Amino acid sequence: PYHRYPLEAFLLLAMGIDAALALRAAKWRWQPLAAAALLIFTTLALAPSWLIRADHYDWRHDDFTQLLSADLTALGGPALSGHVQCLDMTAGCLGALYDLRLVQSTGFLYDCYFFHQPQTAVTYRLREEFLEDVGHAPPQVLIESDQNCLGEPLGWRGLDAWPAFSAWRAANYSLYVERQPTRMIRWWPIAEQPPGYRIYMRKMDANPMSANGGQTWGTQAIVQEAVTGADKSTSAKTNPSRSTISPLSTGIGSRNIGPA
C-alpha cells in the first residue's frame, strides 16, 4: 500500500496537470474535448474507484507488530537495544523495533538473501558476514518470522535452508515463545494469513566462539558451505525447535509468555 498510494496520488495529479495544459494550449479542435474527457474520467471514475478500494484495505491493524512489541517490552524494552536481532522480510519485526526505539545487534535488515535459492557468491558472503557479526556480539533476543521472500508462501525454514546458522542457533539459543496472529490481513485485494514469529533467548551458558568445536561460527562454517553448496552433516541433526515448541495462546493482547 505504501507504494501504491503515493503512485496513484501523483498519477492523478500528473493527469490533471496534463489536461489543464491541453485546455490552455489547444492546437487542434479535438484537443479541448480530449482534455475535458480526461478530467471527467479521473475526477468521476478513476479517483473514486481507487478511494473505495483503498478504504477496504485493512491497513490499520498490524497484530504481528503489536504482539511482538508487547513481548519485547516484557523482555526488557529499552534494555534490549543493541541486543536484539530480526530475521524477517516485511512481516513487522523492524516496525516493532522502530516503535520501541530499539537498535539491532547487526546492520542486516532483511533475511531474504540468506535463504533464497539458489545461493550465489554474494549471498554466501552475506551469510558469512552475518554469522561473523552475531558470533562476536550475539544478541540476547533473536526473532524469526515465517515470512520468506515476497511472493513465496509462509513457512518455517528447515535446517537444510542454512545449516551453519541452524547449528549456531541450536548451540546458543532456546525457543522462548511462538506467536501466530489469527486475524487475516488485507493489505491488498486478497485477504491473507498473517505471518507469525518465534523469539529465541540466548542460553546463559552459551559460548558463541565455541559453537563448532572451538571454531568461530562465521568464516569456518560458511566457507565449507560455499564450497559444498550445503553442510549435509549438519542438516542431519535433529531440529531442536520441534521438541521445544509448546501450544501457546495467540491473538492480540496475549501476554502469557514464558519459557517453552
C-alpha atoms as a PDB file:
ATOM      1  CA  PRO A   1       0.000   0.000   0.000  1.00  0.00           C
ATOM      2  CA  TYR A   2       2.777   2.481   0.786  1.00  0.00           C
ATOM      3  CA  HIS A   3       3.985   2.030  -2.788  1.00  0.00           C
ATOM      4  CA  ARG A   4       0.609   2.159  -4.486  1.00  0.00           C
ATOM      5  CA  TYR A   5      -1.000   5.122  -2.727  1.00  0.00           C
ATOM      6  CA  PRO A   6       1.750   7.671  -3.494  1.00  0.00           C
ATOM      7  CA  LEU A   7       1.882   6.385  -7.079  1.00  0.00           C
ATOM      8  CA  GLU A   8      -1.864   6.862  -7.552  1.00  0.00           C
ATOM      9  CA  ALA A   9      -1.847  10.293  -5.926  1.00  0.00           C
ATOM     10  CA  PHE A  10       0.932  11.637  -8.133  1.00  0.00           C
ATOM     11  CA  LEU A  11      -0.503   9.927 -11.197  1.00  0.00           C
ATOM     12  CA  LEU A  12      -3.849  11.707 -10.714  1.00  0.00           C
ATOM     13  CA  LEU A  13      -2.001  14.971 -10.189  1.00  0.00           C
ATOM     14  CA  ALA A  14       0.036  14.481 -13.367  1.00  0.00           C
ATOM     15  CA  MET A  15      -3.085  13.636 -15.361  1.00  0.00           C
ATOM     16  CA  GLY A  16      -4.814  16.765 -14.073  1.00  0.00           C
ATOM     17  CA  ILE A  17      -1.837  18.958 -14.979  1.00  0.00           C
ATOM     18  CA  ASP A  18      -1.645  17.477 -18.477  1.00  0.00           C
ATOM     19  CA  ALA A  19      -5.357  18.021 -19.015  1.00  0.00           C
ATOM     20  CA  ALA A  20      -5.179  21.635 -17.814  1.00  0.00           C
ATOM     21  CA  LEU A  21      -2.226  22.392 -20.087  1.00  0.00           C
ATOM     22  CA  ALA A  22      -4.043  20.811 -23.031  1.00  0.00           C
ATOM     23  CA  LEU A  23      -7.058  23.045 -22.440  1.00  0.00           C
ATOM     24  CA  ARG A  24      -4.927  26.205 -22.326  1.00  0.00           C
ATOM     25  CA  ALA A  25      -2.746  25.482 -25.341  1.00  0.00           C
ATOM     26  CA  ALA A  26      -5.100  23.702 -27.688  1.00  0.00           C
ATOM     27  CA  LYS A  27      -3.627  23.311 -31.170  1.00  0.00           C
ATOM     28  CA  TRP A  28      -6.297  21.038 -32.621  1.00  0.00           C
ATOM     29  CA  ARG A  29     -10.068  21.132 -32.409  1.00  0.00           C
ATOM     30  CA  TRP A  30     -10.322  17.785 -30.684  1.00  0.00           C
ATOM     31  CA  GLN A  31      -7.710  18.644 -28.019  1.00  0.00           C
ATOM     32  CA  PRO A  32     -10.090  20.515 -25.648  1.00  0.00           C
ATOM     33  CA  LEU A  33     -12.586  17.654 -25.876  1.00  0.00           C
ATOM     34  CA  ALA A  34      -9.893  15.094 -25.084  1.00  0.00           C
ATOM     35  CA  ALA A  35      -8.621  17.146 -22.137  1.00  0.00           C
ATOM     36  CA  ALA A  36     -12.135  17.606 -20.757  1.00  0.00           C
ATOM     37  CA  ALA A  37     -12.811  13.879 -21.124  1.00  0.00           C
ATOM     38  CA  LEU A  38      -9.585  13.093 -19.244  1.00  0.00           C
ATOM     39  CA  LEU A  39     -10.561  15.424 -16.385  1.00  0.00           C
ATOM     40  CA  ILE A  40     -14.039  13.943 -16.157  1.00  0.00           C
ATOM     41  CA  PHE A  41     -12.685  10.380 -16.211  1.00  0.00           C
ATOM     42  CA  THR A  42     -10.104  10.978 -13.479  1.00  0.00           C
ATOM     43  CA  THR A  43     -12.490  13.008 -11.289  1.00  0.00           C
ATOM     44  CA  LEU A  44     -15.670  10.963 -11.569  1.00  0.00           C
ATOM     45  CA  ALA A  45     -14.394   7.458 -12.287  1.00  0.00           C
ATOM     46  CA  LEU A  46     -10.734   6.750 -11.573  1.00  0.00           C
ATOM     47  CA  ALA A  47     -10.216   8.659  -8.312  1.00  0.00           C
ATOM     48  CA  PRO A  48     -13.459   7.441  -6.616  1.00  0.00           C
ATOM     49  CA  SER A  49     -12.796   3.811  -7.573  1.00  0.00           C
ATOM     50  CA  TRP A  50      -9.277   3.954  -6.127  1.00  0.00           C
ATOM     51  CA  LEU A  51     -10.592   5.630  -2.978  1.00  0.00           C
ATOM     52  CA  ILE A  52     -13.242   2.957  -2.453  1.00  0.00           C
ATOM     53  CA  ARG A  53     -10.693   0.193  -2.974  1.00  0.00           C
ATOM     54  CA  ALA A  54      -8.223   1.780  -0.558  1.00  0.00           C
ATOM     55  CA  ASP A  55     -10.925   2.155   2.098  1.00  0.00           C
ATOM     56  CA  HIS A  56     -11.499  -1.613   2.058  1.00  0.00           C
ATOM     57  CA  TYR A  57      -7.836  -2.388   2.741  1.00  0.00           C
ATOM     58  CA  ASP A  58      -7.187  -3.220   6.391  1.00  0.00           C
ATOM     59  CA  TRP A  59      -4.028  -1.208   6.861  1.00  0.00           C
ATOM     60  CA  ARG A  60      -4.987  -0.098  10.377  1.00  0.00           C
ATOM     61  CA  HIS A  61      -4.469  -3.481  12.037  1.00  0.00           C
ATOM     62  CA  ASP A  62      -0.997  -4.904  12.476  1.00  0.00           C
ATOM     63  CA  ASP A  63      -1.326  -7.707  15.005  1.00  0.00           C
ATOM     64  CA  PHE A  64       2.184  -9.025  14.314  1.00  0.00           C
ATOM     65  CA  THR A  65       3.836  -5.756  15.326  1.00  0.00           C
ATOM     66  CA  GLN A  66       1.580  -5.237  18.340  1.00  0.00           C
ATOM     67  CA  LEU A  67       2.143  -8.735  19.694  1.00  0.00           C
ATOM     68  CA  LEU A  68       5.889  -8.550  19.152  1.00  0.00           C
ATOM     69  CA  SER A  69       6.093  -5.098  20.748  1.00  0.00           C
ATOM     70  CA  ALA A  70       4.320  -6.436  23.832  1.00  0.00           C
ATOM     71  CA  ASP A  71       6.678  -9.406  24.057  1.00  0.00           C
ATOM     72  CA  LEU A  72       9.790  -7.249  23.679  1.00  0.00           C
ATOM     73  CA  THR A  73       8.512  -4.805  26.272  1.00  0.00           C
ATOM     74  CA  ALA A  74       8.007  -7.677  28.722  1.00  0.00           C
ATOM     75  CA  LEU A  75      11.528  -8.921  27.989  1.00  0.00           C
ATOM     76  CA  GLY A  76      13.171  -5.635  28.902  1.00  0.00           C
ATOM     77  CA  GLY A  77      12.100  -2.966  26.452  1.00  0.00           C
ATOM     78  CA  PRO A  78      14.809  -0.281  26.205  1.00  0.00           C
ATOM     79  CA  ALA A  79      17.408  -2.597  27.752  1.00  0.00           C
ATOM     80  CA  LEU A  80      17.260  -4.746  24.609  1.00  0.00           C
ATOM     81  CA  SER A  81      18.622  -2.007  22.362  1.00  0.00           C
ATOM     82  CA  GLY A  82      21.766  -3.315  20.715  1.00  0.00           C
ATOM     83  CA  HIS A  83      20.986  -6.840  21.921  1.00  0.00           C
ATOM     84  CA  VAL A  84      18.152  -7.894  19.603  1.00  0.00           C
ATOM     85  CA  GLN A  85      18.185  -9.150  16.021  1.00  0.00           C
ATOM     86  CA  CYS A  86      15.404  -9.686  13.481  1.00  0.00           C
ATOM     87  CA  LEU A  87      15.341 -12.363  10.806  1.00  0.00           C
ATOM     88  CA  ASP A  88      12.412 -11.122   8.789  1.00  0.00           C
ATOM     89  CA  MET A  89      11.437  -9.551   5.469  1.00  0.00           C
ATOM     90  CA  THR A  90       8.450  -7.222   5.854  1.00  0.00           C
ATOM     91  CA  ALA A  91       6.273  -9.033   8.424  1.00  0.00           C
ATOM     92  CA  GLY A  92       6.750  -6.309  11.044  1.00  0.00           C
ATOM     93  CA  CYS A  93       9.794  -7.121  13.169  1.00  0.00           C
ATOM     94  CA  LEU A  94      11.624  -3.951  12.176  1.00  0.00           C
ATOM     95  CA  GLY A  95       8.425  -1.968  12.727  1.00  0.00           C
ATOM     96  CA  ALA A  96       8.227  -3.239  16.291  1.00  0.00           C
ATOM     97  CA  LEU A  97      11.858  -2.302  16.932  1.00  0.00           C
ATOM     98  CA  TYR A  98      11.254   1.148  15.478  1.00  0.00           C
ATOM     99  CA  ASP A  99       8.191   1.718  17.669  1.00  0.00           C
ATOM    100  CA  LEU A 100      10.184   0.733  20.751  1.00  0.00           C
ATOM    101  CA  ARG A 101      13.272   2.670  19.601  1.00  0.00           C
ATOM    102  CA  LEU A 102      15.445  -0.450  19.710  1.00  0.00           C
ATOM    103  CA  VAL A 103      18.622  -0.841  17.658  1.00  0.00           C
ATOM    104  CA  GLN A 104      19.582  -4.214  16.208  1.00  0.00           C
ATOM    105  CA  SER A 105      22.770  -6.081  17.042  1.00  0.00           C
ATOM    106  CA  THR A 106      23.829  -6.005  13.389  1.00  0.00           C
ATOM    107  CA  GLY A 107      23.162  -3.802  10.386  1.00  0.00           C
ATOM    108  CA  PHE A 108      21.302  -6.533   8.477  1.00  0.00           C
ATOM    109  CA  LEU A 109      17.676  -5.583   7.806  1.00  0.00           C
ATOM    110  CA  TYR A 110      16.250  -8.419   5.672  1.00  0.00           C
ATOM    111  CA  ASP A 111      16.874 -12.143   5.696  1.00  0.00           C
ATOM    112  CA  CYS A 112      15.536 -12.920   2.202  1.00  0.00           C
ATOM    113  CA  TYR A 113      19.006 -13.132   0.690  1.00  0.00           C
ATOM    114  CA  PHE A 114      20.140 -15.555   3.413  1.00  0.00           C
ATOM    115  CA  PHE A 115      17.631 -18.247   2.496  1.00  0.00           C
ATOM    116  CA  HIS A 116      16.606 -17.619  -1.102  1.00  0.00           C
ATOM    117  CA  GLN A 117      17.652 -20.353  -3.501  1.00  0.00           C
ATOM    118  CA  PRO A 118      19.850 -20.719  -5.405  1.00  0.00           C
ATOM    119  CA  GLN A 119      22.590 -19.105  -3.358  1.00  0.00           C
ATOM    120  CA  THR A 120      25.340 -17.139  -5.094  1.00  0.00           C
ATOM    121  CA  ALA A 121      28.821 -15.959  -4.173  1.00  0.00           C
ATOM    122  CA  VAL A 122      27.318 -12.663  -2.994  1.00  0.00           C
ATOM    123  CA  THR A 123      24.705 -14.256  -0.714  1.00  0.00           C
ATOM    124  CA  TYR A 124      27.280 -16.694   0.670  1.00  0.00           C
ATOM    125  CA  ARG A 125      29.403 -13.689   1.590  1.00  0.00           C
ATOM    126  CA  LEU A 126      26.404 -12.013   3.257  1.00  0.00           C
ATOM    127  CA  ARG A 127      25.824 -15.177   5.261  1.00  0.00           C
ATOM    128  CA  GLU A 128      29.448 -15.170   6.327  1.00  0.00           C
ATOM    129  CA  GLU A 129      29.311 -11.532   7.427  1.00  0.00           C
ATOM    130  CA  PHE A 130      26.110 -12.078   9.391  1.00  0.00           C
ATOM    131  CA  LEU A 131      27.471 -15.087  11.262  1.00  0.00           C
ATOM    132  CA  GLU A 132      30.670 -13.211  11.998  1.00  0.00           C
ATOM    133  CA  ASP A 133      28.696 -10.284  13.447  1.00  0.00           C
ATOM    134  CA  VAL A 134      26.408 -12.362  15.665  1.00  0.00           C
ATOM    135  CA  GLY A 135      29.295 -14.651  16.602  1.00  0.00           C
ATOM    136  CA  HIS A 136      31.330 -11.796  18.053  1.00  0.00           C
ATOM    137  CA  ALA A 137      28.376  -9.924  19.568  1.00  0.00           C
ATOM    138  CA  PRO A 138      25.491 -12.393  19.952  1.00  0.00           C
ATOM    139  CA  PRO A 139      22.105 -10.774  20.567  1.00  0.00           C
ATOM    140  CA  GLN A 140      20.233 -11.698  23.719  1.00  0.00           C
ATOM    141  CA  VAL A 141      16.994 -11.963  21.736  1.00  0.00           C
ATOM    142  CA  LEU A 142      16.667 -13.466  18.259  1.00  0.00           C
ATOM    143  CA  ILE A 143      13.384 -13.001  16.373  1.00  0.00           C
ATOM    144  CA  GLU A 144      12.475 -15.069  13.334  1.00  0.00           C
ATOM    145  CA  SER A 145       9.323 -14.724  11.238  1.00  0.00           C
ATOM    146  CA  ASP A 146       7.869 -17.383   8.956  1.00  0.00           C
ATOM    147  CA  GLN A 147       7.689 -14.876   6.100  1.00  0.00           C
ATOM    148  CA  ASN A 148      10.060 -15.740   3.291  1.00  0.00           C
ATOM    149  CA  CYS A 149      10.885 -13.616   0.261  1.00  0.00           C
ATOM    150  CA  LEU A 150       7.948 -11.634  -1.105  1.00  0.00           C
ATOM    151  CA  GLY A 151       5.713 -13.776  -3.274  1.00  0.00           C
ATOM    152  CA  GLU A 152       6.699 -17.016  -1.537  1.00  0.00           C
ATOM    153  CA  PRO A 153       4.309 -18.888   0.790  1.00  0.00           C
ATOM    154  CA  LEU A 154       4.646 -18.599   4.551  1.00  0.00           C
ATOM    155  CA  GLY A 155       6.525 -21.392   6.269  1.00  0.00           C
ATOM    156  CA  TRP A 156       9.260 -22.055   8.789  1.00  0.00           C
ATOM    157  CA  ARG A 157      12.545 -22.874   7.135  1.00  0.00           C
ATOM    158  CA  GLY A 158      14.079 -26.282   7.648  1.00  0.00           C
ATOM    159  CA  LEU A 159      17.574 -26.970   8.936  1.00  0.00           C
ATOM    160  CA  ASP A 160      18.814 -27.527   5.411  1.00  0.00           C
ATOM    161  CA  ALA A 161      17.903 -23.967   4.370  1.00  0.00           C
ATOM    162  CA  TRP A 162      21.032 -22.663   6.128  1.00  0.00           C
ATOM    163  CA  PRO A 163      22.781 -25.443   8.062  1.00  0.00           C
ATOM    164  CA  ALA A 164      25.522 -23.289   9.566  1.00  0.00           C
ATOM    165  CA  PHE A 165      23.052 -20.818  11.039  1.00  0.00           C
ATOM    166  CA  SER A 166      20.742 -23.574  12.284  1.00  0.00           C
ATOM    167  CA  ALA A 167      23.629 -25.235  14.128  1.00  0.00           C
ATOM    168  CA  TRP A 168      24.759 -21.907  15.639  1.00  0.00           C
ATOM    169  CA  ARG A 169      21.245 -21.099  16.829  1.00  0.00           C
ATOM    170  CA  ALA A 170      20.734 -24.571  18.325  1.00  0.00           C
ATOM    171  CA  ALA A 171      24.013 -24.294  20.243  1.00  0.00           C
ATOM    172  CA  ASN A 172      23.395 -20.814  21.597  1.00  0.00           C
ATOM    173  CA  TYR A 173      19.630 -20.206  21.829  1.00  0.00           C
ATOM    174  CA  SER A 174      16.446 -21.731  23.211  1.00  0.00           C
ATOM    175  CA  LEU A 175      12.948 -21.130  21.905  1.00  0.00           C
ATOM    176  CA  TYR A 176      11.127 -18.755  24.237  1.00  0.00           C
ATOM    177  CA  VAL A 177       7.756 -18.248  22.593  1.00  0.00           C
ATOM    178  CA  GLU A 178       5.946 -18.626  19.282  1.00  0.00           C
ATOM    179  CA  ARG A 179       3.110 -16.341  18.186  1.00  0.00           C
ATOM    180  CA  GLN A 180       0.681 -16.694  15.337  1.00  0.00           C
ATOM    181  CA  PRO A 181      -1.798 -13.807  14.819  1.00  0.00           C
ATOM    182  CA  THR A 182      -5.228 -15.130  13.931  1.00  0.00           C
ATOM    183  CA  ARG A 183      -6.817 -12.136  12.226  1.00  0.00           C
ATOM    184  CA  MET A 184      -6.459 -12.161   8.460  1.00  0.00           C
ATOM    185  CA  ILE A 185      -4.614  -9.226   6.881  1.00  0.00           C
ATOM    186  CA  ARG A 186      -5.935  -7.348   3.864  1.00  0.00           C
ATOM    187  CA  TRP A 187      -3.175  -5.096   2.628  1.00  0.00           C
ATOM    188  CA  TRP A 188      -4.275  -5.657  -0.990  1.00  0.00           C
ATOM    189  CA  PRO A 189      -7.414  -7.011  -2.672  1.00  0.00           C
ATOM    190  CA  ILE A 190      -6.893 -10.566  -1.361  1.00  0.00           C
ATOM    191  CA  ALA A 191      -7.062 -11.345   2.368  1.00  0.00           C
ATOM    192  CA  GLU A 192      -4.112 -13.435   3.543  1.00  0.00           C
ATOM    193  CA  GLN A 193      -2.951 -15.350   6.579  1.00  0.00           C
ATOM    194  CA  PRO A 194      -0.645 -13.110   8.650  1.00  0.00           C
ATOM    195  CA  PRO A 195       2.910 -14.231   9.335  1.00  0.00           C
ATOM    196  CA  GLY A 196       3.945 -15.470  12.746  1.00  0.00           C
ATOM    197  CA  TYR A 197       7.170 -15.216  14.696  1.00  0.00           C
ATOM    198  CA  ARG A 198       9.382 -17.067  17.131  1.00  0.00           C
ATOM    199  CA  ILE A 199      11.510 -15.493  19.835  1.00  0.00           C
ATOM    200  CA  TYR A 200      14.726 -17.237  20.821  1.00  0.00           C
ATOM    201  CA  MET A 201      16.598 -16.351  24.021  1.00  0.00           C
ATOM    202  CA  ARG A 202      20.326 -16.756  24.338  1.00  0.00           C
ATOM    203  CA  LYS A 203      21.396 -19.593  26.602  1.00  0.00           C
ATOM    204  CA  MET A 204      23.126 -18.298  29.702  1.00  0.00           C
ATOM    205  CA  ASP A 205      25.989 -20.800  29.368  1.00  0.00           C
ATOM    206  CA  ALA A 206      26.359 -20.410  25.604  1.00  0.00           C
ATOM    207  CA  ASN A 207      29.804 -19.647  24.254  1.00  0.00           C
ATOM    208  CA  PRO A 208      29.366 -18.029  20.828  1.00  0.00           C
ATOM    209  CA  MET A 209      33.032 -18.584  19.971  1.00  0.00           C
ATOM    210  CA  SER A 210      32.885 -22.367  20.505  1.00  0.00           C
ATOM    211  CA  ALA A 211      29.712 -23.474  18.783  1.00  0.00           C
ATOM    212  CA  ASN A 212      31.755 -25.549  16.322  1.00  0.00           C
ATOM    213  CA  GLY A 213      34.291 -27.320  18.461  1.00  0.00           C
ATOM    214  CA  GLY A 214      36.272 -24.224  19.353  1.00  0.00           C
ATOM    215  CA  GLN A 215      35.883 -22.501  15.994  1.00  0.00           C
ATOM    216  CA  THR A 216      34.004 -19.262  15.434  1.00  0.00           C
ATOM    217  CA  TRP A 217      30.747 -19.646  13.548  1.00  0.00           C
ATOM    218  CA  GLY A 218      31.353 -17.417  10.600  1.00  0.00           C
ATOM    219  CA  THR A 219      34.282 -17.959   8.328  1.00  0.00           C
ATOM    220  CA  GLN A 220      34.944 -21.645   9.009  1.00  0.00           C
ATOM    221  CA  ALA A 221      31.320 -22.806   8.665  1.00  0.00           C
ATOM    222  CA  ILE A 222      30.347 -20.611   5.767  1.00  0.00           C
ATOM    223  CA  VAL A 223      33.436 -21.398   3.690  1.00  0.00           C
ATOM    224  CA  GLN A 224      32.610 -25.087   3.887  1.00  0.00           C
ATOM    225  CA  GLU A 225      29.027 -24.312   2.906  1.00  0.00           C
ATOM    226  CA  ALA A 226      30.131 -22.195  -0.045  1.00  0.00           C
ATOM    227  CA  VAL A 227      32.351 -24.978  -1.333  1.00  0.00           C
ATOM    228  CA  THR A 228      29.901 -27.852  -0.949  1.00  0.00           C
ATOM    229  CA  GLY A 229      26.684 -25.909  -1.502  1.00  0.00           C
ATOM    230  CA  ALA A 230      25.276 -27.255   1.770  1.00  0.00           C
ATOM    231  CA  ASP A 231      26.547 -28.721   5.008  1.00  0.00           C
ATOM    232  CA  LYS A 232      24.965 -32.159   4.754  1.00  0.00           C
ATOM    233  CA  SER A 233      26.346 -33.405   8.039  1.00  0.00           C
ATOM    234  CA  THR A 234      24.798 -30.516   9.966  1.00  0.00           C
ATOM    235  CA  SER A 235      21.441 -30.860   8.224  1.00  0.00           C
ATOM    236  CA  ALA A 236      21.119 -34.402   9.544  1.00  0.00           C
ATOM    237  CA  LYS A 237      20.887 -33.164  13.129  1.00  0.00           C
ATOM    238  CA  THR A 238      17.555 -33.162  14.912  1.00  0.00           C
ATOM    239  CA  ASN A 239      15.559 -29.943  14.619  1.00  0.00           C
ATOM    240  CA  PRO A 240      15.601 -28.505  18.147  1.00  0.00           C
ATOM    241  CA  SER A 241      12.547 -26.333  17.556  1.00  0.00           C
ATOM    242  CA  ARG A 242      10.312 -29.376  17.095  1.00  0.00           C
ATOM    243  CA  SER A 243      10.908 -30.548  20.642  1.00  0.00           C
ATOM    244  CA  THR A 244      10.690 -27.145  22.320  1.00  0.00           C
ATOM    245  CA  ILE A 245       7.560 -25.625  20.786  1.00  0.00           C
ATOM    246  CA  SER A 246       4.526 -25.911  23.005  1.00  0.00           C
ATOM    247  CA  PRO A 247       0.969 -24.691  22.353  1.00  0.00           C
ATOM    248  CA  LEU A 248       0.755 -21.011  23.243  1.00  0.00           C
ATOM    249  CA  SER A 249      -2.106 -18.580  23.264  1.00  0.00           C
ATOM    250  CA  THR A 250      -2.336 -16.348  20.224  1.00  0.00           C
ATOM    251  CA  GLY A 251      -4.120 -13.183  19.274  1.00  0.00           C
ATOM    252  CA  ILE A 252      -3.979  -9.537  20.209  1.00  0.00           C
ATOM    253  CA  GLY A 253      -3.414  -8.801  23.870  1.00  0.00           C
ATOM    254  CA  SER A 254      -1.738 -12.125  24.643  1.00  0.00           C
ATOM    255  CA  ARG A 255       0.801 -11.614  27.409  1.00  0.00           C
ATOM    256  CA  ASN A 256       1.318 -15.067  28.931  1.00  0.00           C
ATOM    257  CA  ILE A 257       4.784 -15.625  27.545  1.00  0.00           C
ATOM    258  CA  GLY A 258       7.297 -17.845  29.185  1.00  0.00           C
ATOM    259  CA  PRO A 259       9.899 -20.466  28.520  1.00  0.00           C
ATOM    260  CA  ALA A 260       8.682 -23.066  26.064  1.00  0.00           C
END
